[in-house]
Structure formats: structure tokens, C-alpha cells
């Protein structure tokens, strides 16, 4: 893995964390709206492309948080 690839992965992971924090901080919004907001974010595709397992974990965390798991 090259340095630029590693940097891109790190940036995508950081972005996914920021997106998760943003989505989870939205009060009074149902689970579907939170997941939809995350999926519609302009940087979501990039995060999913460069960090697919992490992005999946973020989506799962949003759903789990809504269900109190």
C-alpha cells in the first residue's frame, strides 16, 4: 500500500467518524432519517469506497444506537 493510499484511507475513516458523530448528534430524528442523512452525505461514497468495512460498521452503529443495543 502506498503512502497516498494510506493517507486516503485515513482521511476516509476520519470522515466516516465525523459523519457518524454528526448523525448521532441529531436529536429527535428517527433511525431511517439518520441513516438516510448519512447515505446522502456528499462524501459518503468516497468513505464507502476507501473504507467499506468501516463504513458498514458506522451504519450498523447508527442502527444499533437507535435500538439501544
PDB file of N, CA and C in Angstrom:
ATOM      1  N   UNK A   1       0.853  -1.173   0.000  1.00  0.00           N
ATOM      2  CA  UNK A   1       0.000   0.000   0.000  1.00  0.00           C
ATOM      3  C   UNK A   1       0.898   1.234   0.000  1.00  0.00           C
ATOM      4  N   UNK A   2       0.600   2.163  -0.854  1.00  0.00           N
ATOM      5  CA  UNK A   2       1.413   3.376  -0.937  1.00  0.00           C
ATOM      6  C   UNK A   2       1.010   4.370   0.138  1.00  0.00           C
ATOM      7  N   UNK A   3       1.882   5.346   0.332  1.00  0.00           N
ATOM      8  CA  UNK A   3       1.616   6.377   1.335  1.00  0.00           C
ATOM      9  C   UNK A   3       0.345   7.151   1.004  1.00  0.00           C
ATOM     10  N   UNK A   4       0.152   7.473  -0.280  1.00  0.00           N
ATOM     11  CA  UNK A   4      -1.053   8.238  -0.643  1.00  0.00           C
ATOM     12  C   UNK A   4      -2.316   7.415  -0.429  1.00  0.00           C
ATOM     13  N   UNK A   5      -2.256   6.113  -0.679  1.00  0.00           N
ATOM     14  CA  UNK A   5      -3.410   5.252  -0.436  1.00  0.00           C
ATOM     15  C   UNK A   5      -3.716   5.187   1.052  1.00  0.00           C
ATOM     16  N   UNK A   6      -2.675   5.043   1.854  1.00  0.00           N
ATOM     17  CA  UNK A   6      -2.845   5.003   3.303  1.00  0.00           C
ATOM     18  C   UNK A   6      -3.439   6.317   3.808  1.00  0.00           C
ATOM     19  N   UNK A   7      -2.953   7.427   3.288  1.00  0.00           N
ATOM     20  CA  UNK A   7      -3.480   8.732   3.688  1.00  0.00           C
ATOM     21  C   UNK A   7      -4.945   8.869   3.285  1.00  0.00           C
ATOM     22  N   UNK A   8      -5.293   8.387   2.109  1.00  0.00           N
ATOM     23  CA  UNK A   8      -6.688   8.447   1.663  1.00  0.00           C
ATOM     24  C   UNK A   8      -7.587   7.607   2.557  1.00  0.00           C
ATOM     25  N   UNK A   9      -7.111   6.434   2.938  1.00  0.00           N
ATOM     26  CA  UNK A   9      -7.882   5.577   3.835  1.00  0.00           C
ATOM     27  C   UNK A   9      -8.066   6.240   5.193  1.00  0.00           C
ATOM     28  N   UNK A  10      -7.015   6.847   5.704  1.00  0.00           N
ATOM     29  CA  UNK A  10      -7.104   7.538   6.996  1.00  0.00           C
ATOM     30  C   UNK A  10      -8.080   8.705   6.913  1.00  0.00           C
ATOM     31  N   UNK A  11      -8.027   9.458   5.833  1.00  0.00           N
ATOM     32  CA  UNK A  11      -8.942  10.584   5.665  1.00  0.00           C
ATOM     33  C   UNK A  11     -10.381  10.094   5.572  1.00  0.00           C
ATOM     34  N   UNK A  12     -10.597   9.003   4.852  1.00  0.00           N
ATOM     35  CA  UNK A  12     -11.946   8.452   4.726  1.00  0.00           C
ATOM     36  C   UNK A  12     -12.465   7.945   6.057  1.00  0.00           C
ATOM     37  N   UNK A  13     -11.599   7.294   6.824  1.00  0.00           N
ATOM     38  CA  UNK A  13     -12.009   6.803   8.131  1.00  0.00           C
ATOM     39  C   UNK A  13     -12.357   7.965   9.054  1.00  0.00           C
ATOM     40  N   UNK A  14     -11.548   9.014   9.021  1.00  0.00           N
ATOM     41  CA  UNK A  14     -11.823  10.198   9.834  1.00  0.00           C
ATOM     42  C   UNK A  14     -13.139  10.833   9.410  1.00  0.00           C
ATOM     43  N   UNK A  15     -13.355  10.915   8.114  1.00  0.00           N
ATOM     44  CA  UNK A  15     -14.611  11.473   7.605  1.00  0.00           C
ATOM     45  C   UNK A  15     -15.795  10.654   8.088  1.00  0.00           C
ATOM     46  N   UNK A  16     -15.665   9.330   8.035  1.00  0.00           N
ATOM     47  CA  UNK A  16     -16.750   8.470   8.493  1.00  0.00           C
ATOM     48  C   UNK A  16     -17.037   8.697   9.970  1.00  0.00           C
ATOM     49  N   UNK A  17     -15.997   8.897  10.767  1.00  0.00           N
ATOM     50  CA  UNK A  17     -16.198   9.188  12.194  1.00  0.00           C
ATOM     51  C   UNK A  17     -16.925  10.511  12.391  1.00  0.00           C
ATOM     52  N   UNK A  18     -16.524  11.511  11.630  1.00  0.00           N
ATOM     53  CA  UNK A  18     -17.182  12.821  11.722  1.00  0.00           C
ATOM     54  C   UNK A  18     -18.643  12.701  11.309  1.00  0.00           C
ATOM     55  N   UNK A  19     -18.886  11.956  10.236  1.00  0.00           N
ATOM     56  CA  UNK A  19     -20.264  11.758   9.789  1.00  0.00           C
ATOM     57  C   UNK A  19     -21.083  11.032  10.843  1.00  0.00           C
ATOM     58  N   UNK A  20     -20.495  10.008  11.448  1.00  0.00           N
ATOM     59  CA  UNK A  20     -21.199   9.272  12.499  1.00  0.00           C
ATOM     60  C   UNK A  20     -21.525  10.193  13.667  1.00  0.00           C
ATOM     61  N   UNK A  21     -20.556  10.979  14.100  1.00  0.00           N
ATOM     62  CA  UNK A  21     -20.789  11.898  15.213  1.00  0.00           C
ATOM     63  C   UNK A  21     -21.886  12.896  14.866  1.00  0.00           C
ATOM     64  N   UNK A  22     -21.875  13.388  13.648  1.00  0.00           N
ATOM     65  CA  UNK A  22     -22.891  14.349  13.214  1.00  0.00           C
ATOM     66  C   UNK A  22     -24.273  13.723  13.209  1.00  0.00           C
ATOM     67  N   UNK A  23     -24.358  12.541  12.621  1.00  0.00           N
ATOM     68  CA  UNK A  23     -25.653  11.868  12.529  1.00  0.00           C
ATOM     69  C   UNK A  23     -26.180  11.507  13.909  1.00  0.00           C
ATOM     70  N   UNK A  24     -25.315  11.008  14.772  1.00  0.00           N
ATOM     71  CA  UNK A  24     -25.755  10.609  16.109  1.00  0.00           C
ATOM     72  C   UNK A  24     -26.118  11.812  16.979  1.00  0.00           C
ATOM     73  N   UNK A  25     -25.569  12.977  16.653  1.00  0.00           N
ATOM     74  CA  UNK A  25     -25.859  14.155  17.463  1.00  0.00           C
ATOM     75  C   UNK A  25     -27.194  14.803  17.112  1.00  0.00           C
ATOM     76  N   UNK A  26     -27.797  14.384  16.021  1.00  0.00           N
ATOM     77  CA  UNK A  26     -29.087  14.939  15.613  1.00  0.00           C
ATOM     78  C   UNK A  26     -30.163  14.394  16.540  1.00  0.00           C
ATOM     79  N   UNK A  27     -30.785  15.246  17.273  1.00  0.00           N
ATOM     80  CA  UNK A  27     -31.843  14.820  18.183  1.00  0.00           C
ATOM     81  C   UNK A  27     -33.189  14.779  17.491  1.00  0.00           C
ATOM     82  N   UNK A  28     -34.097  14.006  18.048  1.00  0.00           N
ATOM     83  CA  UNK A  28     -35.480  13.951  17.571  1.00  0.00           C
ATOM     84  C   UNK A  28     -35.587  13.558  16.105  1.00  0.00           C
ATOM     85  N   UNK A  29     -34.685  12.730  15.640  1.00  0.00           N
ATOM     86  CA  UNK A  29     -34.746  12.257  14.266  1.00  0.00           C
ATOM     87  C   UNK A  29     -34.788  10.742  14.323  1.00  0.00           C
ATOM     88  N   UNK A  30     -35.669  10.147  13.541  1.00  0.00           N
ATOM     89  CA  UNK A  30     -35.777   8.693  13.604  1.00  0.00           C
ATOM     90  C   UNK A  30     -34.605   8.012  12.916  1.00  0.00           C
ATOM     91  N   UNK A  31     -34.461   6.709  13.156  1.00  0.00           N
ATOM     92  CA  UNK A  31     -33.343   5.928  12.631  1.00  0.00           C
ATOM     93  C   UNK A  31     -33.234   6.042  11.126  1.00  0.00           C
ATOM     94  N   UNK A  32     -34.343   5.905  10.432  1.00  0.00           N
ATOM     95  CA  UNK A  32     -34.320   5.947   8.982  1.00  0.00           C
ATOM     96  C   UNK A  32     -33.782   7.279   8.493  1.00  0.00           C
ATOM     97  N   UNK A  33     -34.196   8.357   9.108  1.00  0.00           N
ATOM     98  CA  UNK A  33     -33.718   9.670   8.707  1.00  0.00           C
ATOM     99  C   UNK A  33     -32.223   9.815   8.959  1.00  0.00           C
ATOM    100  N   UNK A  34     -31.732   9.256  10.065  1.00  0.00           N
ATOM    101  CA  UNK A  34     -30.295   9.332  10.360  1.00  0.00           C
ATOM    102  C   UNK A  34     -29.493   8.544   9.350  1.00  0.00           C
ATOM    103  N   UNK A  35     -29.945   7.346   9.037  1.00  0.00           N
ATOM    104  CA  UNK A  35     -29.244   6.525   8.045  1.00  0.00           C
ATOM    105  C   UNK A  35     -29.323   7.198   6.681  1.00  0.00           C
ATOM    106  N   UNK A  36     -30.482   7.695   6.330  1.00  0.00           N
ATOM    107  CA  UNK A  36     -30.644   8.391   5.048  1.00  0.00           C
ATOM    108  C   UNK A  36     -29.739   9.611   4.974  1.00  0.00           C
ATOM    109  N   UNK A  37     -29.645  10.365   6.065  1.00  0.00           N
ATOM    110  CA  UNK A  37     -28.771  11.544   6.083  1.00  0.00           C
ATOM    111  C   UNK A  37     -27.321  11.133   5.848  1.00  0.00           C
ATOM    112  N   UNK A  38     -26.911  10.060   6.463  1.00  0.00           N
ATOM    113  CA  UNK A  38     -25.550   9.567   6.280  1.00  0.00           C
ATOM    114  C   UNK A  38     -25.330   9.116   4.838  1.00  0.00           C
ATOM    115  N   UNK A  39     -26.268   8.360   4.297  1.00  0.00           N
ATOM    116  CA  UNK A  39     -26.136   7.862   2.932  1.00  0.00           C
ATOM    117  C   UNK A  39     -26.144   8.990   1.897  1.00  0.00           C
ATOM    118  N   UNK A  40     -26.853  10.064   2.186  1.00  0.00           N
ATOM    119  CA  UNK A  40     -26.962  11.175   1.241  1.00  0.00           C
ATOM    120  C   UNK A  40     -25.818  12.182   1.364  1.00  0.00           C
ATOM    121  N   UNK A  41     -24.981  12.034   2.375  1.00  0.00           N
ATOM    122  CA  UNK A  41     -23.876  12.978   2.547  1.00  0.00           C
ATOM    123  C   UNK A  41     -22.974  12.938   1.314  1.00  0.00           C
ATOM    124  N   UNK A  42     -22.515  14.094   0.817  1.00  0.00           N
ATOM    125  CA  UNK A  42     -21.722  14.122  -0.413  1.00  0.00           C
ATOM    126  C   UNK A  42     -20.407  13.341  -0.339  1.00  0.00           C
ATOM    127  N   UNK A  43     -19.874  13.114   0.821  1.00  0.00           N
ATOM    128  CA  UNK A  43     -18.614  12.381   0.950  1.00  0.00           C
ATOM    129  C   UNK A  43     -18.816  10.903   1.291  1.00  0.00           C
ATOM    130  N   UNK A  44     -20.067  10.459   1.415  1.00  0.00           N
ATOM    131  CA  UNK A  44     -20.306   9.087   1.835  1.00  0.00           C
ATOM    132  C   UNK A  44     -19.764   8.069   0.841  1.00  0.00           C
ATOM    133  N   UNK A  45     -19.956   8.290  -0.437  1.00  0.00           N
ATOM    134  CA  UNK A  45     -19.466   7.336  -1.438  1.00  0.00           C
ATOM    135  C   UNK A  45     -17.948   7.179  -1.363  1.00  0.00           C
ATOM    136  N   UNK A  46     -17.252   8.284  -1.148  1.00  0.00           N
ATOM    137  CA  UNK A  46     -15.798   8.213  -1.028  1.00  0.00           C
ATOM    138  C   UNK A  46     -15.407   7.409   0.198  1.00  0.00           C
ATOM    139  N   UNK A  47     -16.068   7.666   1.306  1.00  0.00           N
ATOM    140  CA  UNK A  47     -15.780   6.915   2.526  1.00  0.00           C
ATOM    141  C   UNK A  47     -16.064   5.434   2.314  1.00  0.00           C
ATOM    142  N   UNK A  48     -17.174   5.125   1.674  1.00  0.00           N
ATOM    143  CA  UNK A  48     -17.532   3.728   1.432  1.00  0.00           C
ATOM    144  C   UNK A  48     -16.546   3.058   0.485  1.00  0.00           C
ATOM    145  N   UNK A  49     -16.055   3.801  -0.482  1.00  0.00           N
ATOM    146  CA  UNK A  49     -15.114   3.243  -1.450  1.00  0.00           C
ATOM    147  C   UNK A  49     -13.773   2.916  -0.799  1.00  0.00           C
ATOM    148  N   UNK A  50     -13.264   3.821   0.011  1.00  0.00           N
ATOM    149  CA  UNK A  50     -11.932   3.643   0.577  1.00  0.00           C
ATOM    150  C   UNK A  50     -11.912   2.940   1.931  1.00  0.00           C
ATOM    151  N   UNK A  51     -13.048   2.883   2.581  1.00  0.00           N
ATOM    152  CA  UNK A  51     -13.116   2.210   3.883  1.00  0.00           C
ATOM    153  C   UNK A  51     -14.455   1.485   4.001  1.00  0.00           C
ATOM    154  N   UNK A  52     -14.692   0.487   3.145  1.00  0.00           N
ATOM    155  CA  UNK A  52     -16.010  -0.162   3.121  1.00  0.00           C
ATOM    156  C   UNK A  52     -16.384  -0.868   4.416  1.00  0.00           C
ATOM    157  N   UNK A  53     -15.442  -1.555   5.035  1.00  0.00           N
ATOM    158  CA  UNK A  53     -15.774  -2.263   6.275  1.00  0.00           C
ATOM    159  C   UNK A  53     -16.080  -1.274   7.393  1.00  0.00           C
ATOM    160  N   UNK A  54     -15.307  -0.197   7.447  1.00  0.00           N
ATOM    161  CA  UNK A  54     -15.537   0.810   8.471  1.00  0.00           C
ATOM    162  C   UNK A  54     -16.880   1.499   8.244  1.00  0.00           C
ATOM    163  N   UNK A  55     -17.181   1.809   6.991  1.00  0.00           N
ATOM    164  CA  UNK A  55     -18.441   2.475   6.679  1.00  0.00           C
ATOM    165  C   UNK A  55     -19.619   1.590   7.047  1.00  0.00           C
ATOM    166  N   UNK A  56     -19.508   0.298   6.791  1.00  0.00           N
ATOM    167  CA  UNK A  56     -20.553  -0.644   7.186  1.00  0.00           C
ATOM    168  C   UNK A  56     -20.719  -0.640   8.700  1.00  0.00           C
ATOM    169  N   UNK A  57     -19.598  -0.613   9.418  1.00  0.00           N
ATOM    170  CA  UNK A  57     -19.648  -0.585  10.878  1.00  0.00           C
ATOM    171  C   UNK A  57     -20.323   0.691  11.377  1.00  0.00           C
ATOM    172  N   UNK A  58     -20.073   1.798  10.702  1.00  0.00           N
ATOM    173  CA  UNK A  58     -20.705   3.069  11.083  1.00  0.00           C
ATOM    174  C   UNK A  58     -22.217   2.976  10.912  1.00  0.00           C
ATOM    175  N   UNK A  59     -22.660   2.449   9.776  1.00  0.00           N
ATOM    176  CA  UNK A  59     -24.097   2.306   9.553  1.00  0.00           C
ATOM    177  C   UNK A  59     -24.718   1.390  10.594  1.00  0.00           C
ATOM    178  N   UNK A  60     -24.048   0.295  10.907  1.00  0.00           N
ATOM    179  CA  UNK A  60     -24.545  -0.628  11.921  1.00  0.00           C
ATOM    180  C   UNK A  60     -24.618   0.062  13.281  1.00  0.00           C
ATOM    181  N   UNK A  61     -23.622   0.882  13.599  1.00  0.00           N
ATOM    182  CA  UNK A  61     -23.601   1.597  14.874  1.00  0.00           C
ATOM    183  C   UNK A  61     -24.788   2.554  14.980  1.00  0.00           C
ATOM    184  N   UNK A  62     -25.135   3.209  13.880  1.00  0.00           N
ATOM    185  CA  UNK A  62     -26.281   4.117  13.876  1.00  0.00           C
ATOM    186  C   UNK A  62     -27.559   3.341  14.160  1.00  0.00           C
ATOM    187  N   UNK A  63     -27.744   2.230  13.482  1.00  0.00           N
ATOM    188  CA  UNK A  63     -28.936   1.410  13.686  1.00  0.00           C
ATOM    189  C   UNK A  63     -28.958   0.861  15.121  1.00  0.00           C
ATOM    190  N   UNK A  64     -27.819   0.347  15.593  1.00  0.00           N
ATOM    191  CA  UNK A  64     -27.753  -0.191  16.942  1.00  0.00           C
ATOM    192  C   UNK A  64     -28.046   0.878  17.994  1.00  0.00           C
ATOM    193  N   UNK A  65     -27.533   2.083  17.790  1.00  0.00           N
ATOM    194  CA  UNK A  65     -27.769   3.167  18.745  1.00  0.00           C
ATOM    195  C   UNK A  65     -29.254   3.502  18.834  1.00  0.00           C
ATOM    196  N   UNK A  66     -29.914   3.454  17.696  1.00  0.00           N
ATOM    197  CA  UNK A  66     -31.348   3.733  17.678  1.00  0.00           C
ATOM    198  C   UNK A  66     -32.151   2.659  18.389  1.00  0.00           C
ATOM    199  N   UNK A  67     -31.648   1.451  18.386  1.00  0.00           N
ATOM    200  CA  UNK A  67     -32.363   0.347  19.024  1.00  0.00           C
ATOM    201  C   UNK A  67     -31.847   0.076  20.441  1.00  0.00           C
ATOM    202  N   UNK A  68     -30.984   0.940  20.928  1.00  0.00           N
ATOM    203  CA  UNK A  68     -30.487   0.807  22.282  1.00  0.00           C
ATOM    204  C   UNK A  68     -29.638  -0.426  22.508  1.00  0.00           C
ATOM    205  N   UNK A  69     -28.951  -0.864  21.485  1.00  0.00           N
ATOM    206  CA  UNK A  69     -28.113  -2.071  21.600  1.00  0.00           C
ATOM    207  C   UNK A  69     -26.721  -1.719  22.018  1.00  0.00           C
TER     208      UNK A  69
END
